[in-house]
Amino acid sequence: MDDQTRIEIEAAAFRRLQRHLMQDRQDVQNIDMMNLAGFCRNCLSRWYQEAANERGIEMTKDEGRAAYYGMPSDDWKAKFQTEASPEKQAEFEVAFKENVLDEKR
């Protein structure tokens, strides 16, 4: 497989993952994703932003989230985010430290 075809296939898979999380499974909470898999929609939007920045495209965190979510993230939260239990919040603190903060070091 040539590099361009591989890139196109990877991009298509990314778009399908995005559609799955944003349209098909809006019920799945970011906190649950982070606690179980070590990443969530916000991570995907941050990776999108970082990839843009690496290519010289200025993009803020909020712009990256809006690009990934298809709307401002505050709108997404208002429509789909539910209150997390104290147990889930405690799990999240550990998962965030292990998967996000450690990644940045």
Protein backbone atom coordinates (compact mmCIF):
# COMPACT_ATOMS: atom_id res chain seq x y z
CA MET A 1 0.00 0.00 0.00
CA ASP A 2 1.37 3.42 -0.88
CA ASP A 3 1.63 6.19 1.73
CA GLN A 4 -1.17 8.33 0.30
CA THR A 5 -3.63 5.42 0.32
CA ARG A 6 -2.63 4.56 3.91
CA ILE A 7 -3.17 8.18 4.98
CA GLU A 8 -6.59 8.25 3.31
CA ILE A 9 -7.62 4.99 4.99
CA GLU A 10 -6.40 6.23 8.38
CA ALA A 11 -8.32 9.49 7.89
CA ALA A 12 -11.46 7.57 6.96
CA ALA A 13 -11.12 5.41 10.09
CA PHE A 14 -10.68 8.54 12.22
CA ARG A 15 -13.78 10.13 10.69
CA ARG A 16 -15.75 6.95 11.36
CA LEU A 17 -14.61 6.90 15.00
CA GLN A 18 -15.59 10.55 15.31
CA ARG A 19 -19.04 9.90 13.80
CA HIS A 20 -19.53 6.88 16.07
CA LEU A 21 -18.74 8.92 19.20
CA MET A 22 -20.51 12.10 18.16
CA GLN A 23 -23.64 10.70 16.47
CA ASP A 24 -24.09 7.00 17.22
CA ARG A 25 -23.04 6.93 20.89
CA GLN A 26 -23.78 10.33 22.38
CA ASP A 27 -24.87 8.42 25.49
CA VAL A 28 -21.31 7.33 26.25
CA GLN A 29 -19.82 9.78 28.71
CA ASN A 30 -16.27 11.12 28.35
CA ILE A 31 -15.54 10.21 31.95
CA ASP A 32 -16.46 6.57 31.26
CA MET A 33 -14.25 6.51 28.18
CA MET A 34 -11.32 7.99 30.09
CA ASN A 35 -11.79 5.62 33.02
CA LEU A 36 -11.99 2.55 30.80
CA ALA A 37 -9.79 3.36 27.83
CA GLY A 38 -7.52 6.19 28.94
CA PHE A 39 -8.82 8.64 26.33
CA CYS A 40 -12.03 10.48 25.49
CA ARG A 41 -13.50 12.92 22.99
CA ASN A 42 -11.51 15.75 24.57
CA CYS A 43 -8.29 13.77 24.03
CA LEU A 44 -9.20 13.24 20.38
CA SER A 45 -9.91 16.94 19.95
CA ARG A 46 -6.59 17.79 21.64
CA TRP A 47 -4.72 15.42 19.33
CA TYR A 48 -6.48 17.09 16.39
CA GLN A 49 -5.40 20.52 17.67
CA GLU A 50 -1.82 19.35 18.28
CA ALA A 51 -1.60 17.89 14.76
CA ALA A 52 -2.79 21.21 13.32
CA ASN A 53 -0.32 23.18 15.44
CA GLU A 54 2.54 20.88 14.40
CA ARG A 55 1.75 21.79 10.79
CA GLY A 56 1.83 25.52 11.51
CA ILE A 57 -1.96 25.91 11.71
CA GLU A 58 -2.92 28.09 14.68
CA MET A 59 -5.69 26.36 16.61
CA THR A 60 -6.71 26.91 20.21
CA LYS A 61 -8.03 24.23 22.54
CA ASP A 62 -11.58 25.57 22.11
CA GLU A 63 -11.21 25.66 18.31
CA GLY A 64 -9.93 22.07 18.33
CA ARG A 65 -12.87 20.93 20.43
CA ALA A 66 -15.36 22.77 18.21
CA ALA A 67 -13.79 21.16 15.14
CA TYR A 68 -14.03 17.69 16.67
CA TYR A 69 -17.40 18.08 18.42
CA GLY A 70 -18.99 19.95 15.52
CA MET A 71 -20.13 22.59 18.03
CA PRO A 72 -18.68 24.42 21.02
CA SER A 73 -17.89 21.88 23.74
CA ASP A 74 -20.09 23.77 26.22
CA ASP A 75 -23.05 23.13 23.92
CA TRP A 76 -22.16 19.43 23.78
CA LYS A 77 -21.93 19.26 27.57
CA ALA A 78 -25.31 20.96 27.97
CA LYS A 79 -26.97 18.52 25.55
CA PHE A 80 -25.30 15.21 26.43
CA GLN A 81 -23.16 15.27 29.57
CA THR A 82 -24.61 13.80 32.75
CA GLU A 83 -23.46 14.20 36.34
CA ALA A 84 -20.69 11.80 37.30
CA SER A 85 -20.74 9.97 40.60
CA PRO A 86 -18.02 10.67 43.17
CA GLU A 87 -16.60 7.19 42.41
CA LYS A 88 -16.33 7.93 38.69
CA GLN A 89 -14.73 11.28 39.45
CA ALA A 90 -12.13 9.61 41.67
CA GLU A 91 -11.38 7.04 38.94
CA PHE A 92 -11.08 9.89 36.46
CA GLU A 93 -8.46 11.68 38.57
CA VAL A 94 -6.26 8.57 38.36
CA ALA A 95 -6.94 7.94 34.65
CA PHE A 96 -6.28 11.58 33.74
CA LYS A 97 -2.99 11.60 35.63
CA GLU A 98 -1.87 8.31 34.07
CA ASN A 99 -2.98 9.03 30.52
CA VAL A 100 -2.92 12.77 30.00
CA LEU A 101 -0.54 14.35 32.47
CA ASP A 102 2.07 11.59 32.14
CA GLU A 103 1.83 11.84 28.33
CA LYS A 104 2.83 15.51 28.45
CA ARG A 105 6.00 14.89 30.47
